[in-house]
Amino acid sequence: MADGRSGGRDSLDDEARRAAQLDSIPVIGLDTPLAAQVATDARRRVTTMGTTYDRPAQTRVFTVANQKGGVGKTTTAVNIAAAMARAGLTVLVIDNDPQGNASTALGIEHGPETLSTYDVLLGDSSIADVVQTSPADDRLLCVPSTINLSGAEIELVTVDSRETRLREALRTYLIHRSSSDLPRIDYVFIDCPPSLGLLTVNAFTAAAEVLIPIQCEYYALEGLSQLLKNIQLIQAHLNPALAVSTILLTMSDIRTNLAREVASEVREHFGDETLRTVIPRSVRISEAPSYGQTVISYDPSSSGALAYAEAAREISRRQAPALDRQSPATSTENGTA
């Protein structure tokens, strides 16, 4: 079986073998939810294990955002990044949340004295100075967050170009990697705090795509309209390339009517943007950060890991924004305007 680290799509033989395996898995209705989950996991295992992910034509930059807390923003950012790295892509996670949970999950040092996103935003350090490699995978990089970042929004108020500091830092880093003959970053995921302050604004100005995790619970869409209005303001004044390209349903319990109703409502409003993959509630997903790991490395055969691997594969096979809507941070990635 391929190890998932070579570029390009799977061979025709691999595709045919996977298709035959998928056809052998019975279709089970939701009236027996445990059996349905087992069948879903089996399909995901066949689909994701040993498969390759397409490299994008150029670096894709996602901001993972939702002003509602506890919906799985950080969990989504680190696990999709880890799944892509395991499949052979080079991925950068920028921890832009003062809580530093993304840094914890990736096993990254982020004590108070660690150089971090705070130093990058204040202009004291470059991303090249602060970036660390996750012990889980040498293709998985992280700009850590420290508690110092909690004061950044106040300190940035009087700083020039306060809304675009992260964009310029990321652009400089991508050019640095190109000029230093380092592997190109395929994906960047910026993890945001559950607010719409300057930290999130900086993330929006640096990205071309927004990934919004939506919890399959009551009030799932609460506050989403305000988030979309803020994105429209960013598009109008700071980053016309920004688009909501991806919505991921998280924390789903297929045993409940509520989860199915929420999923149906989200797909009704955001059909094109919503991934087919739905992330289930999973004890393993919750446990993994306490061991300084993503669920991808902690228990790769668990339901949560398989779901995030499938979501990552789905994102990699979706159409990226057109070149005229690329992230401002990547528009001069190769050193040209």
Protein backbone atom coordinates (compact mmCIF):
# COMPACT_ATOMS: atom_id res chain seq x y z
CA MET A 1 0.00 0.00 0.00
CA ALA A 2 1.25 3.48 -0.81
CA ASP A 3 2.41 5.55 2.12
CA GLY A 4 0.55 8.66 0.98
CA ARG A 5 3.71 10.75 0.54
CA SER A 6 4.01 10.80 -3.22
CA GLY A 7 2.36 13.56 -5.20
CA GLY A 8 -0.49 13.25 -7.68
CA ARG A 9 -3.64 11.19 -7.83
CA ASP A 10 -3.87 7.47 -7.14
CA SER A 11 -3.27 5.06 -10.02
CA LEU A 12 -6.17 3.56 -11.94
CA ASP A 13 -5.46 0.19 -10.31
CA ASP A 14 -5.67 1.77 -6.86
CA GLU A 15 -8.90 3.53 -7.76
CA ALA A 16 -10.44 0.30 -9.06
CA ARG A 17 -9.38 -1.62 -5.96
CA ARG A 18 -10.83 1.05 -3.67
CA ALA A 19 -14.06 1.13 -5.66
CA ALA A 20 -14.42 -2.65 -5.29
CA GLN A 21 -13.78 -2.44 -1.54
CA LEU A 22 -16.32 0.36 -1.15
CA ASP A 23 -18.92 -1.62 -3.09
CA SER A 24 -18.48 -4.52 -0.65
CA ILE A 25 -19.45 -2.39 2.37
CA PRO A 26 -23.21 -2.58 2.99
CA VAL A 27 -25.37 0.53 3.14
CA ILE A 28 -26.87 0.76 6.63
CA GLY A 29 -29.65 3.14 7.60
CA LEU A 30 -29.62 5.51 10.56
CA ASP A 31 -32.20 3.39 12.35
CA THR A 32 -29.17 1.38 13.54
CA PRO A 33 -26.74 4.25 14.26
CA LEU A 34 -23.89 2.15 15.72
CA ALA A 35 -23.78 -0.11 12.67
CA ALA A 36 -24.10 2.94 10.41
CA GLN A 37 -21.05 4.54 12.07
CA VAL A 38 -19.05 1.32 11.70
CA ALA A 39 -19.91 1.21 7.99
CA THR A 40 -19.02 4.89 7.59
CA ASP A 41 -15.66 4.33 9.29
CA ALA A 42 -14.97 1.37 7.02
CA ARG A 43 -15.63 3.49 3.93
CA ARG A 44 -13.43 6.28 5.23
CA ARG A 45 -10.64 3.83 5.98
CA VAL A 46 -10.72 2.55 2.42
CA THR A 47 -10.95 6.07 0.97
CA THR A 48 -8.18 7.71 2.99
CA MET A 49 -5.62 5.14 4.05
CA GLY A 50 -2.61 5.20 1.75
CA THR A 51 -4.14 7.67 -0.68
CA THR A 52 -2.39 10.74 -2.01
CA TYR A 53 -3.60 14.32 -1.88
CA ASP A 54 -3.23 16.69 -4.81
CA ARG A 55 -0.76 19.52 -4.32
CA PRO A 56 -2.42 22.86 -5.06
CA ALA A 57 -1.06 24.94 -7.93
CA GLN A 58 0.14 27.41 -5.31
CA THR A 59 -0.10 27.91 -1.57
CA ARG A 60 -3.68 27.99 -0.30
CA VAL A 61 -4.29 30.07 2.83
CA PHE A 62 -7.31 29.33 5.06
CA THR A 63 -8.54 31.25 8.05
CA VAL A 64 -10.44 28.92 10.40
CA ALA A 65 -12.98 31.14 12.10
CA ASN A 66 -16.27 31.25 13.96
CA GLN A 67 -17.05 33.85 16.60
CA LYS A 68 -19.02 31.20 18.50
CA GLY A 69 -16.76 29.33 20.91
CA GLY A 70 -16.54 25.57 21.35
CA VAL A 71 -17.42 24.62 17.77
CA GLY A 72 -14.13 22.89 16.96
CA LYS A 73 -12.08 25.63 15.28
CA THR A 74 -8.72 24.62 16.72
CA THR A 75 -9.50 20.91 16.51
CA THR A 76 -10.40 21.33 12.85
CA ALA A 77 -7.33 23.41 12.00
CA VAL A 78 -4.77 21.07 13.56
CA ASN A 79 -6.33 17.79 12.47
CA ILE A 80 -6.89 18.77 8.84
CA ALA A 81 -3.32 20.12 8.79
CA ALA A 82 -1.98 16.90 10.34
CA ALA A 83 -3.92 14.72 7.89
CA MET A 84 -2.54 16.68 4.95
CA ALA A 85 1.02 16.46 6.29
CA ARG A 86 0.67 12.72 6.78
CA ALA A 87 -0.42 12.48 3.13
CA GLY A 88 2.78 14.19 2.00
CA LEU A 89 1.85 17.87 1.83
CA THR A 90 3.79 20.64 3.59
CA VAL A 91 1.47 22.52 5.94
CA LEU A 92 1.84 25.56 8.17
CA VAL A 93 -0.47 26.22 11.13
CA ILE A 94 -0.44 29.77 12.50
CA ASP A 95 -1.75 29.79 16.06
CA ASN A 96 -3.43 33.19 16.27
CA ASP A 97 -5.40 32.44 19.46
CA PRO A 98 -3.98 33.56 22.84
CA GLN A 99 -5.15 30.27 24.38
CA GLY A 100 -2.46 28.46 22.37
CA ASN A 101 -4.47 25.26 22.01
CA ALA A 102 -3.28 24.63 18.47
CA SER A 103 0.32 24.80 19.67
CA THR A 104 -0.47 22.30 22.42
CA ALA A 105 -2.14 19.84 20.05
CA LEU A 106 0.82 19.97 17.68
CA GLY A 107 3.32 19.34 20.49
CA ILE A 108 4.91 22.77 20.02
CA GLU A 109 6.76 24.62 22.79
CA HIS A 110 4.84 27.79 23.66
CA GLY A 111 5.92 28.96 27.10
CA PRO A 112 5.85 32.70 27.95
CA GLU A 113 9.43 33.21 26.72
CA THR A 114 8.88 31.46 23.38
CA LEU A 115 8.97 33.61 20.25
CA SER A 116 5.46 33.51 18.87
CA THR A 117 2.70 35.06 16.76
CA TYR A 118 2.80 37.98 19.17
CA ASP A 119 6.37 38.85 18.16
CA VAL A 120 5.45 38.51 14.49
CA LEU A 121 2.44 40.84 14.75
CA LEU A 122 4.40 43.45 16.69
CA GLY A 123 7.20 43.30 14.13
CA ASP A 124 9.90 42.12 16.53
CA SER A 125 10.44 38.77 14.74
CA SER A 126 9.75 37.17 11.39
CA ILE A 127 7.83 33.94 10.88
CA ALA A 128 11.13 32.31 9.90
CA ASP A 129 12.46 33.23 13.37
CA VAL A 130 9.55 31.72 15.31
CA VAL A 131 8.28 28.77 13.24
CA GLN A 132 8.69 25.29 14.77
CA THR A 133 8.34 21.77 13.37
CA SER A 134 5.82 19.45 15.00
CA PRO A 135 7.39 16.32 16.48
CA ALA A 136 4.56 14.36 14.87
CA ASP A 137 5.63 15.11 11.28
CA ASP A 138 8.49 17.04 9.73
CA ARG A 139 6.09 18.39 7.10
CA LEU A 140 3.88 19.98 9.75
CA LEU A 141 5.02 23.46 10.82
CA CYS A 142 3.58 25.80 13.42
CA VAL A 143 3.89 29.43 14.43
CA PRO A 144 3.11 29.11 18.15
CA SER A 145 0.97 31.32 20.33
CA THR A 146 1.81 32.43 23.86
CA ILE A 147 -0.13 34.20 26.57
CA ASN A 148 1.53 37.44 25.39
CA LEU A 149 -0.83 37.43 22.43
CA SER A 150 -3.72 38.28 24.75
CA GLY A 151 -2.46 41.87 24.89
CA ALA A 152 -1.72 42.20 21.19
CA GLU A 153 -5.09 43.65 20.23
CA ILE A 154 -4.53 46.63 22.53
CA GLU A 155 -0.92 47.11 21.45
CA LEU A 156 -1.82 46.94 17.76
CA VAL A 157 -4.29 49.83 18.01
CA THR A 158 -1.54 52.43 17.62
CA VAL A 159 0.60 50.45 15.15
CA ASP A 160 0.77 51.32 11.44
CA SER A 161 -1.00 48.87 9.09
CA ARG A 162 -2.42 47.10 12.12
CA GLU A 163 -4.91 45.05 10.05
CA THR A 164 -2.32 43.67 7.62
CA ARG A 165 0.63 42.76 9.84
CA LEU A 166 0.09 39.01 9.52
CA ARG A 167 -0.42 39.24 5.76
CA GLU A 168 2.92 40.95 5.22
CA ALA A 169 4.71 38.58 7.58
CA LEU A 170 3.31 35.52 5.81
CA ARG A 171 4.16 36.93 2.39
CA THR A 172 7.74 37.57 3.51
CA TYR A 173 8.01 34.03 4.87
CA LEU A 174 6.75 32.39 1.69
CA ILE A 175 9.21 34.41 -0.38
CA HIS A 176 11.97 33.47 2.08
CA ARG A 177 11.23 29.76 1.63
CA SER A 178 11.27 30.11 -2.14
CA SER A 179 14.57 31.97 -2.20
CA SER A 180 16.11 29.51 0.29
CA ASP A 181 15.13 26.44 -1.79
CA LEU A 182 12.93 25.15 1.02
CA PRO A 183 9.87 23.05 0.14
CA ARG A 184 6.90 25.18 -0.80
CA ILE A 185 4.13 25.46 1.76
CA ASP A 186 1.06 23.79 0.25
CA TYR A 187 -1.50 24.89 2.84
CA VAL A 188 -1.64 27.48 5.60
CA PHE A 189 -4.30 27.26 8.32
CA ILE A 190 -4.72 30.26 10.63
CA ASP A 191 -6.46 29.40 13.89
CA CYS A 192 -8.46 32.33 15.29
CA PRO A 193 -9.90 33.24 18.69
CA PRO A 194 -13.70 33.17 19.11
CA SER A 195 -14.04 36.90 18.49
CA LEU A 196 -14.01 39.41 15.65
CA GLY A 197 -11.18 41.64 16.93
CA LEU A 198 -7.88 42.66 15.35
CA LEU A 199 -6.38 39.18 15.61
CA THR A 200 -9.19 37.74 13.49
CA VAL A 201 -9.09 40.73 11.12
CA ASN A 202 -5.37 40.08 10.56
CA ALA A 203 -6.17 36.46 9.74
CA PHE A 204 -8.87 37.50 7.27
CA THR A 205 -6.58 39.90 5.46
CA ALA A 206 -3.90 37.22 5.07
CA ALA A 207 -6.16 34.53 3.58
CA ALA A 208 -8.12 33.87 0.42
CA GLU A 209 -10.39 31.26 1.97
CA VAL A 210 -12.43 30.99 5.16
CA LEU A 211 -13.16 27.60 6.71
CA ILE A 212 -16.07 27.79 9.15
CA PRO A 213 -16.65 24.84 11.52
CA ILE A 214 -20.31 24.63 12.56
CA GLN A 215 -21.34 22.48 15.49
CA CYS A 216 -24.33 20.19 14.94
CA GLU A 217 -26.17 21.60 17.94
CA TYR A 218 -28.99 24.02 18.69
CA TYR A 219 -28.08 27.64 17.87
CA ALA A 220 -25.52 26.35 15.37
CA LEU A 221 -26.17 29.27 13.03
CA GLU A 222 -26.39 31.83 15.81
CA GLY A 223 -23.93 34.63 15.14
CA LEU A 224 -23.04 33.31 11.71
CA SER A 225 -24.79 36.22 10.00
CA GLN A 226 -22.59 38.67 11.91
CA LEU A 227 -19.49 36.72 10.92
CA LEU A 228 -20.53 36.84 7.26
CA LYS A 229 -21.17 40.59 7.52
CA ASN A 230 -17.68 41.08 8.92
CA ILE A 231 -16.22 39.04 6.10
CA GLN A 232 -18.07 41.27 3.63
CA LEU A 233 -16.53 44.33 5.29
CA ILE A 234 -13.08 42.77 4.98
CA GLN A 235 -13.77 42.05 1.31
CA ALA A 236 -14.86 45.64 0.72
CA HIS A 237 -12.02 47.41 2.52
CA LEU A 238 -9.01 45.14 3.08
CA ASN A 239 -9.07 41.89 1.11
CA PRO A 240 -11.33 41.55 -1.93
CA ALA A 241 -9.91 38.04 -2.53
CA LEU A 242 -11.48 36.65 0.65
CA ALA A 243 -14.26 34.07 0.22
CA VAL A 244 -16.07 31.56 2.42
CA SER A 245 -15.01 28.44 0.54
CA THR A 246 -15.53 25.70 3.12
CA ILE A 247 -18.01 24.86 5.88
CA LEU A 248 -17.47 21.77 8.01
CA LEU A 249 -20.11 20.23 10.26
CA THR A 250 -18.57 19.13 13.57
CA MET A 251 -19.53 17.32 16.78
CA SER A 252 -22.33 15.41 15.10
CA ASP A 253 -24.23 12.63 16.86
CA ILE A 254 -26.12 10.72 14.17
CA ARG A 255 -28.31 9.12 16.84
CA THR A 256 -30.16 12.41 17.33
CA ASN A 257 -32.71 14.08 15.09
CA LEU A 258 -31.23 17.43 16.08
CA ALA A 259 -27.86 16.72 14.45
CA ARG A 260 -29.54 15.65 11.23
CA GLU A 261 -31.82 18.71 11.25
CA VAL A 262 -28.88 21.09 11.78
CA ALA A 263 -26.93 19.44 8.96
CA SER A 264 -29.94 19.74 6.66
CA GLU A 265 -30.41 23.42 7.52
CA VAL A 266 -26.73 24.25 6.94
CA ARG A 267 -26.72 22.43 3.60
CA GLU A 268 -29.89 24.25 2.58
CA HIS A 269 -28.21 27.64 3.11
CA PHE A 270 -24.62 26.75 2.14
CA GLY A 271 -24.91 23.78 -0.19
CA ASP A 272 -21.86 24.46 -2.35
CA GLU A 273 -19.57 25.39 0.53
CA THR A 274 -20.46 22.57 2.94
CA LEU A 275 -18.23 19.49 2.86
CA ARG A 276 -19.88 16.10 2.46
CA THR A 277 -17.79 14.89 5.40
CA VAL A 278 -19.29 15.35 8.86
CA ILE A 279 -17.10 15.11 11.96
CA PRO A 280 -18.65 12.92 14.66
CA ARG A 281 -18.45 13.40 18.39
CA SER A 282 -15.42 11.40 19.47
CA VAL A 283 -13.76 10.71 22.79
CA ARG A 284 -10.44 10.26 20.97
CA ILE A 285 -10.64 13.77 19.49
CA SER A 286 -11.10 15.17 22.99
CA GLU A 287 -8.34 13.06 24.51
CA ALA A 288 -5.61 13.73 21.95
CA PRO A 289 -4.64 17.32 22.98
CA SER A 290 -3.98 16.20 26.57
CA TYR A 291 -1.15 14.08 25.11
CA GLY A 292 0.16 16.95 22.99
CA GLN A 293 -1.09 15.29 19.82
CA THR A 294 -3.69 15.57 17.10
CA VAL A 295 -6.14 12.70 16.82
CA ILE A 296 -4.44 11.88 13.49
CA SER A 297 -1.30 10.80 15.35
CA TYR A 298 -2.94 9.79 18.64
CA ASP A 299 -5.37 7.23 17.20
CA PRO A 300 -5.36 7.26 13.38
CA SER A 301 -7.90 4.44 13.15
CA SER A 302 -10.52 6.18 15.33
CA SER A 303 -13.76 7.58 13.93
CA GLY A 304 -12.60 11.15 14.52
CA ALA A 305 -9.25 10.67 12.80
CA LEU A 306 -10.83 8.98 9.79
CA ALA A 307 -13.40 11.77 9.49
CA TYR A 308 -10.77 14.52 9.59
CA ALA A 309 -8.61 12.63 7.08
CA GLU A 310 -11.60 12.41 4.75
CA ALA A 311 -12.35 16.12 5.22
CA ALA A 312 -8.72 16.98 4.42
CA ARG A 313 -8.83 14.84 1.29
CA GLU A 314 -12.09 16.48 0.23
CA ILE A 315 -10.61 19.97 0.66
CA SER A 316 -7.54 19.01 -1.35
CA ARG A 317 -9.71 17.79 -4.22
CA ARG A 318 -11.98 20.81 -4.26
CA GLN A 319 -11.36 23.68 -6.63
CA ALA A 320 -9.17 26.40 -5.14
CA PRO A 321 -10.18 30.03 -5.67
CA ALA A 322 -9.24 31.41 -9.08
CA LEU A 323 -5.83 33.02 -9.42
CA ASP A 324 -7.39 36.48 -9.40
CA ARG A 325 -8.78 35.64 -5.94
CA GLN A 326 -5.61 34.24 -4.46
CA SER A 327 -4.51 35.29 -0.99
CA PRO A 328 -2.67 38.63 -0.83
CA ALA A 329 -0.04 36.77 1.19
CA THR A 330 0.70 34.45 -1.76
CA SER A 331 0.39 36.90 -4.64
CA THR A 332 4.13 37.68 -4.46
CA GLU A 333 5.13 34.28 -3.15
CA ASN A 334 7.68 33.81 -5.92
CA GLY A 335 9.04 37.30 -5.55
CA THR A 336 7.02 38.81 -8.40
CA ALA A 337 4.14 41.23 -8.19
